[in-house]
C-alpha atoms as a PDB file:
ATOM      1  CA  MET A   1     -37.227   2.758  -4.580  1.00  0.00           C
ATOM      2  CA  MET A   2     -40.584   3.864  -3.161  1.00  0.00           C
ATOM      3  CA  LYS A   3     -43.283   1.241  -3.024  1.00  0.00           C
ATOM      4  CA  ALA A   4     -46.490   2.296  -4.735  1.00  0.00           C
ATOM      5  CA  LYS A   5     -49.659   2.565  -2.710  1.00  0.00           C
ATOM      6  CA  ILE A   6     -51.984  -0.433  -2.761  1.00  0.00           C
ATOM      7  CA  GLY A   7     -54.569  -0.234  -5.520  1.00  0.00           C
ATOM      8  CA  ARG A   8     -54.656  -0.664  -9.234  1.00  0.00           C
ATOM      9  CA  PRO A   9     -51.271  -1.387 -10.825  1.00  0.00           C
ATOM     10  CA  ARG A  10     -49.572   1.530 -12.518  1.00  0.00           C
ATOM     11  CA  SER A  11     -50.131   2.090 -16.196  1.00  0.00           C
ATOM     12  CA  GLU A  12     -46.650   2.163 -17.717  1.00  0.00           C
ATOM     13  CA  LYS A  13     -47.736   4.731 -20.271  1.00  0.00           C
ATOM     14  CA  SER A  14     -49.175   7.042 -17.603  1.00  0.00           C
ATOM     15  CA  GLN A  15     -46.147   6.568 -15.356  1.00  0.00           C
ATOM     16  CA  GLU A  16     -43.786   7.486 -18.190  1.00  0.00           C
ATOM     17  CA  ALA A  17     -45.927  10.513 -19.040  1.00  0.00           C
ATOM     18  CA  VAL A  18     -45.815  11.728 -15.416  1.00  0.00           C
ATOM     19  CA  ILE A  19     -42.019  11.288 -15.171  1.00  0.00           C
ATOM     20  CA  LYS A  20     -41.518  13.005 -18.550  1.00  0.00           C
ATOM     21  CA  ALA A  21     -43.794  15.895 -17.569  1.00  0.00           C
ATOM     22  CA  THR A  22     -41.909  16.265 -14.273  1.00  0.00           C
ATOM     23  CA  HIS A  23     -38.548  16.467 -16.082  1.00  0.00           C
ATOM     24  CA  GLU A  24     -39.872  18.989 -18.584  1.00  0.00           C
ATOM     25  CA  LEU A  25     -41.468  21.268 -15.995  1.00  0.00           C
ATOM     26  CA  LEU A  26     -38.377  21.258 -13.790  1.00  0.00           C
ATOM     27  CA  HIS A  27     -36.184  22.122 -16.782  1.00  0.00           C
ATOM     28  CA  GLU A  28     -38.530  24.885 -17.917  1.00  0.00           C
ATOM     29  CA  GLN A  29     -39.558  26.484 -14.625  1.00  0.00           C
ATOM     30  CA  GLY A  30     -37.444  25.045 -11.831  1.00  0.00           C
ATOM     31  CA  GLY A  31     -38.930  23.861  -8.568  1.00  0.00           C
ATOM     32  CA  ALA A  32     -41.117  26.948  -8.095  1.00  0.00           C
ATOM     33  CA  GLY A  33     -43.314  26.055 -11.067  1.00  0.00           C
ATOM     34  CA  LEU A  34     -43.704  22.392 -10.211  1.00  0.00           C
ATOM     35  CA  THR A  35     -47.114  21.318  -8.907  1.00  0.00           C
ATOM     36  CA  ILE A  36     -49.211  18.153  -9.042  1.00  0.00           C
ATOM     37  CA  GLU A  37     -51.743  20.092 -11.125  1.00  0.00           C
ATOM     38  CA  ALA A  38     -49.118  21.155 -13.675  1.00  0.00           C
ATOM     39  CA  ILE A  39     -47.744  17.608 -13.938  1.00  0.00           C
ATOM     40  CA  ALA A  40     -51.229  16.104 -14.337  1.00  0.00           C
ATOM     41  CA  ARG A  41     -52.095  18.640 -17.046  1.00  0.00           C
ATOM     42  CA  ARG A  42     -48.820  18.099 -18.939  1.00  0.00           C
ATOM     43  CA  ALA A  43     -48.989  14.273 -18.609  1.00  0.00           C
ATOM     44  CA  ASN A  44     -52.709  14.180 -19.450  1.00  0.00           C
ATOM     45  CA  VAL A  45     -53.564  12.122 -16.364  1.00  0.00           C
ATOM     46  CA  GLY A  46     -55.891  12.794 -13.476  1.00  0.00           C
ATOM     47  CA  LYS A  47     -54.584  14.111 -10.155  1.00  0.00           C
ATOM     48  CA  PRO A  48     -56.082  11.084  -8.331  1.00  0.00           C
ATOM     49  CA  THR A  49     -53.850   8.841 -10.476  1.00  0.00           C
ATOM     50  CA  ILE A  50     -50.769  10.732  -9.332  1.00  0.00           C
ATOM     51  CA  TYR A  51     -51.822  10.794  -5.678  1.00  0.00           C
ATOM     52  CA  ARG A  52     -52.504   7.064  -5.802  1.00  0.00           C
ATOM     53  CA  TRP A  53     -48.962   6.292  -6.992  1.00  0.00           C
ATOM     54  CA  TRP A  54     -46.801   8.900  -5.203  1.00  0.00           C
ATOM     55  CA  PRO A  55     -47.242  10.201  -1.626  1.00  0.00           C
ATOM     56  CA  THR A  56     -45.835  13.680  -2.414  1.00  0.00           C
ATOM     57  CA  LEU A  57     -44.673  15.851  -5.271  1.00  0.00           C
ATOM     58  CA  ALA A  58     -41.081  15.306  -4.143  1.00  0.00           C
ATOM     59  CA  ASP A  59     -41.521  11.531  -4.468  1.00  0.00           C
ATOM     60  CA  ILE A  60     -42.319  11.955  -8.166  1.00  0.00           C
ATOM     61  CA  VAL A  61     -39.107  13.931  -8.619  1.00  0.00           C
ATOM     62  CA  LEU A  62     -37.202  11.339  -6.574  1.00  0.00           C
ATOM     63  CA  GLU A  63     -38.389   8.519  -8.828  1.00  0.00           C
ATOM     64  CA  ALA A  64     -37.477  10.549 -11.916  1.00  0.00           C
ATOM     65  CA  VAL A  65     -33.965  11.151 -10.558  1.00  0.00           C
ATOM     66  CA  LEU A  66     -33.492   7.505  -9.588  1.00  0.00           C
ATOM     67  CA  LEU A  67     -34.454   6.369 -13.086  1.00  0.00           C
ATOM     68  CA  GLN A  68     -32.063   8.902 -14.656  1.00  0.00           C
ATOM     69  CA  ALA A  69     -29.139   8.005 -12.390  1.00  0.00           C
ATOM     70  CA  ALA A  70     -29.563   4.288 -13.071  1.00  0.00           C
ATOM     71  CA  THR A  71     -29.341   4.785 -16.832  1.00  0.00           C
ATOM     72  CA  LYS A  72     -27.010   7.772 -17.223  1.00  0.00           C
ATOM     73  CA  ILE A  73     -24.328   7.254 -14.560  1.00  0.00           C
ATOM     74  CA  MET A  74     -22.712   3.898 -15.147  1.00  0.00           C
ATOM     75  CA  VAL A  75     -19.524   2.719 -13.481  1.00  0.00           C
ATOM     76  CA  ILE A  76     -16.890   1.369 -15.807  1.00  0.00           C
ATOM     77  CA  HIS A  77     -14.062  -0.129 -13.752  1.00  0.00           C
ATOM     78  CA  PHE A  78     -10.673   0.622 -15.249  1.00  0.00           C
ATOM     79  CA  GLU A  79      -7.351  -0.632 -13.876  1.00  0.00           C
ATOM     80  CA  SER A  80      -6.658   2.863 -12.580  1.00  0.00           C
ATOM     81  CA  LEU A  81      -8.655   4.390  -9.709  1.00  0.00           C
ATOM     82  CA  GLN A  82      -8.017   7.800 -11.239  1.00  0.00           C
ATOM     83  CA  LYS A  83      -9.578   6.814 -14.569  1.00  0.00           C
ATOM     84  CA  THR A  84     -12.554   5.025 -12.963  1.00  0.00           C
ATOM     85  CA  LEU A  85     -13.325   7.878 -10.572  1.00  0.00           C
ATOM     86  CA  SER A  86     -12.826  10.533 -13.245  1.00  0.00           C
ATOM     87  CA  GLN A  87     -15.217   8.763 -15.620  1.00  0.00           C
ATOM     88  CA  PHE A  88     -17.847   8.362 -12.880  1.00  0.00           C
ATOM     89  CA  LEU A  89     -17.579  12.036 -11.901  1.00  0.00           C
ATOM     90  CA  LYS A  90     -17.698  13.240 -15.513  1.00  0.00           C
ATOM     91  CA  GLN A  91     -20.912  11.264 -16.088  1.00  0.00           C
ATOM     92  CA  SER A  92     -22.323  12.683 -12.840  1.00  0.00           C
ATOM     93  CA  MET A  93     -21.451  16.264 -13.834  1.00  0.00           C
ATOM     94  CA  LYS A  94     -22.927  15.804 -17.304  1.00  0.00           C
ATOM     95  CA  THR A  95     -26.196  14.523 -15.842  1.00  0.00           C
ATOM     96  CA  ILE A  96     -26.342  17.506 -13.492  1.00  0.00           C
ATOM     97  CA  THR A  97     -25.550  20.097 -16.157  1.00  0.00           C
ATOM     98  CA  ASP A  98     -27.939  18.463 -18.648  1.00  0.00           C
ATOM     99  CA  GLY A  99     -30.780  19.420 -16.308  1.00  0.00           C
ATOM    100  CA  ASP A 100     -30.867  17.073 -13.346  1.00  0.00           C
ATOM    101  CA  GLY A 101     -29.269  19.739 -11.169  1.00  0.00           C
ATOM    102  CA  ALA A 102     -32.690  21.397 -10.833  1.00  0.00           C
ATOM    103  CA  HIS A 103     -34.135  18.054  -9.735  1.00  0.00           C
ATOM    104  CA  LEU A 104     -31.491  17.579  -7.043  1.00  0.00           C
ATOM    105  CA  ARG A 105     -31.834  21.114  -5.709  1.00  0.00           C
ATOM    106  CA  PHE A 106     -35.604  20.596  -5.489  1.00  0.00           C
ATOM    107  CA  LEU A 107     -35.170  17.303  -3.613  1.00  0.00           C
ATOM    108  CA  MET A 108     -32.613  18.717  -1.175  1.00  0.00           C
ATOM    109  CA  ALA A 109     -34.831  21.708  -0.417  1.00  0.00           C
ATOM    110  CA  HIS A 110     -37.854  19.475   0.145  1.00  0.00           C
ATOM    111  CA  ALA A 111     -35.851  17.126   2.383  1.00  0.00           C
ATOM    112  CA  GLN A 112     -35.182  20.056   4.731  1.00  0.00           C
ATOM    113  CA  LYS A 113     -38.918  20.687   5.156  1.00  0.00           C
ATOM    114  CA  ASP A 114     -40.282  17.135   5.379  1.00  0.00           C
ATOM    115  CA  GLU A 115     -38.586  14.678   7.734  1.00  0.00           C
ATOM    116  CA  ASP A 116     -40.421  11.644   6.301  1.00  0.00           C
ATOM    117  CA  PHE A 117     -39.354  12.542   2.791  1.00  0.00           C
ATOM    118  CA  ARG A 118     -35.790  13.210   3.965  1.00  0.00           C
ATOM    119  CA  LYS A 119     -35.628   9.579   5.116  1.00  0.00           C
ATOM    120  CA  ARG A 120     -36.956   8.332   1.754  1.00  0.00           C
ATOM    121  CA  PHE A 121     -34.460  10.534  -0.081  1.00  0.00           C
ATOM    122  CA  ARG A 122     -31.591   9.287   2.097  1.00  0.00           C
ATOM    123  CA  ASP A 123     -32.649   5.619   1.909  1.00  0.00           C
ATOM    124  CA  ASN A 124     -33.154   5.662  -1.839  1.00  0.00           C
ATOM    125  CA  PHE A 125     -31.150   8.205  -3.802  1.00  0.00           C
ATOM    126  CA  THR A 126     -28.377   9.047  -1.354  1.00  0.00           C
ATOM    127  CA  ALA A 127     -27.786   5.452  -0.252  1.00  0.00           C
ATOM    128  CA  GLN A 128     -27.691   4.222  -3.867  1.00  0.00           C
ATOM    129  CA  ARG A 129     -25.211   6.862  -5.007  1.00  0.00           C
ATOM    130  CA  ARG A 130     -23.003   6.218  -1.957  1.00  0.00           C
ATOM    131  CA  THR A 131     -23.052   2.481  -2.724  1.00  0.00           C
ATOM    132  CA  VAL A 132     -21.906   3.110  -6.289  1.00  0.00           C
ATOM    133  CA  LEU A 133     -19.023   5.349  -5.199  1.00  0.00           C
ATOM    134  CA  ARG A 134     -18.089   2.955  -2.389  1.00  0.00           C
ATOM    135  CA  SER A 135     -17.776   0.144  -4.973  1.00  0.00           C
ATOM    136  CA  ILE A 136     -15.192   2.232  -6.848  1.00  0.00           C
ATOM    137  CA  PHE A 137     -13.140   2.772  -3.696  1.00  0.00           C
ATOM    138  CA  LEU A 138     -13.507  -0.852  -2.545  1.00  0.00           C
ATOM    139  CA  GLN A 139     -12.180  -2.126  -5.851  1.00  0.00           C
ATOM    140  CA  ALA A 140      -9.208   0.230  -5.540  1.00  0.00           C
ATOM    141  CA  MET A 141      -8.633  -1.051  -1.997  1.00  0.00           C
ATOM    142  CA  GLU A 142      -8.717  -4.666  -3.201  1.00  0.00           C
ATOM    143  CA  ARG A 143      -6.096  -3.792  -5.820  1.00  0.00           C
ATOM    144  CA  GLY A 144      -3.872  -2.160  -3.209  1.00  0.00           C
ATOM    145  CA  ARG A 145      -4.450   1.371  -4.526  1.00  0.00           C
ATOM    146  CA  ILE A 146      -6.043   2.530  -1.272  1.00  0.00           C
ATOM    147  CA  SER A 147      -4.867   1.563   2.192  1.00  0.00           C
ATOM    148  CA  PRO A 148      -7.218  -0.793   4.070  1.00  0.00           C
ATOM    149  CA  GLU A 149      -7.115   1.772   6.870  1.00  0.00           C
ATOM    150  CA  GLN A 150      -8.582   4.491   4.656  1.00  0.00           C
ATOM    151  CA  ASN A 151     -11.944   5.801   5.887  1.00  0.00           C
ATOM    152  CA  LEU A 152     -14.097   5.182   2.800  1.00  0.00           C
ATOM    153  CA  GLU A 153     -17.182   6.822   4.280  1.00  0.00           C
ATOM    154  CA  MET A 154     -15.212  10.046   4.750  1.00  0.00           C
ATOM    155  CA  LEU A 155     -13.915   9.848   1.166  1.00  0.00           C
ATOM    156  CA  ILE A 156     -17.486   9.471  -0.058  1.00  0.00           C
ATOM    157  CA  ASP A 157     -18.544  12.474   2.045  1.00  0.00           C
ATOM    158  CA  ILE A 158     -15.684  14.526   0.603  1.00  0.00           C
ATOM    159  CA  VAL A 159     -16.633  13.712  -2.996  1.00  0.00           C
ATOM    160  CA  PHE A 160     -20.389  14.198  -2.665  1.00  0.00           C
ATOM    161  CA  GLY A 161     -20.044  17.070  -0.198  1.00  0.00           C
ATOM    162  CA  THR A 162     -17.882  18.966  -2.678  1.00  0.00           C
ATOM    163  CA  MET A 163     -20.261  18.237  -5.552  1.00  0.00           C
ATOM    164  CA  TRP A 164     -23.410  19.132  -3.664  1.00  0.00           C
ATOM    165  CA  TYR A 165     -21.932  22.323  -2.233  1.00  0.00           C
ATOM    166  CA  ARG A 166     -21.093  23.496  -5.745  1.00  0.00           C
ATOM    167  CA  LEU A 167     -24.529  22.420  -6.988  1.00  0.00           C
ATOM    168  CA  LEU A 168     -26.355  24.330  -4.247  1.00  0.00           C
ATOM    169  CA  ILE A 169     -24.218  27.475  -4.214  1.00  0.00           C
ATOM    170  CA  GLY A 170     -23.490  27.660  -7.941  1.00  0.00           C
ATOM    171  CA  HIS A 171     -20.256  29.572  -7.406  1.00  0.00           C
ATOM    172  CA  ALA A 172     -18.336  27.589 -10.049  1.00  0.00           C
ATOM    173  CA  PRO A 173     -19.139  25.273 -12.957  1.00  0.00           C
ATOM    174  CA  MET A 174     -19.850  21.574 -12.648  1.00  0.00           C
ATOM    175  CA  ASP A 175     -18.019  20.386 -15.724  1.00  0.00           C
ATOM    176  CA  GLU A 176     -15.351  17.928 -16.858  1.00  0.00           C
ATOM    177  CA  SER A 177     -12.627  20.198 -15.544  1.00  0.00           C
ATOM    178  CA  PHE A 178     -14.222  20.117 -12.086  1.00  0.00           C
ATOM    179  CA  ALA A 179     -14.509  16.311 -12.310  1.00  0.00           C
ATOM    180  CA  ASP A 180     -10.782  16.087 -13.097  1.00  0.00           C
ATOM    181  CA  GLU A 181      -9.853  18.499 -10.271  1.00  0.00           C
ATOM    182  CA  LEU A 182     -11.957  16.601  -7.741  1.00  0.00           C
ATOM    183  CA  THR A 183     -10.435  13.314  -8.909  1.00  0.00           C
ATOM    184  CA  GLU A 184      -6.933  14.745  -8.415  1.00  0.00           C
ATOM    185  CA  VAL A 185      -7.806  15.872  -4.878  1.00  0.00           C
ATOM    186  CA  VAL A 186      -9.068  12.390  -3.974  1.00  0.00           C
ATOM    187  CA  ILE A 187      -6.027  10.679  -5.504  1.00  0.00           C
ATOM    188  CA  LYS A 188      -3.715  12.924  -3.466  1.00  0.00           C
ATOM    189  CA  LEU A 189      -5.730  12.253  -0.302  1.00  0.00           C
ATOM    190  CA  VAL A 190      -5.379   8.505  -0.640  1.00  0.00           C
ATOM    191  CA  GLN A 191      -1.778   8.812  -1.852  1.00  0.00           C
ATOM    192  CA  VAL A 192      -2.361   6.521  -4.771  1.00  0.00           C
ATOM    193  CA  SER A 193      -0.285   6.515  -7.910  1.00  0.00           C
ATOM    194  CA  PRO A 194      -2.458   7.554 -10.844  1.00  0.00           C
ATOM    195  CA  ALA A 195      -1.002   4.711 -12.924  1.00  0.00           C
END
């Protein structure tokens, strides 16, 4: 996660208010309506407070997304890779459809414009989510469900690439049915018995 700038320690109450205001504004108006001024007004904090704790607007959104992902997308390891992956993807889809999709679209758009932020996004959010998915595949490999020769990084790219393409384009729903379909595709790719 981003390290705060040197200075006074964060007030937990103010930090929570800023993150809450960021979530609310993104849900209500999308990325176009999100500004430091709007967040400060909604959170009832001064703009200097926000600038002292976060280097950019996108970093506030990034922290909000990281906090959400850590609490809403848990990995429960079942005996079956299919069940574990399906559960993980269903939680991911639910988080996206419950509103975090706007957050992710905002972050991806900002990462294309700001190279420094792109690195922070990759090193924090993207790396963390890849680590979680990799742990699912590694456990399956240890149990003999995936060949040791399987390219796990490519599997991770396939899963997240498919999800993010659908998130960005919006051509089809991101729901439980999609989570099940994507799970089936992965299971067939690794030629693992669903049992």
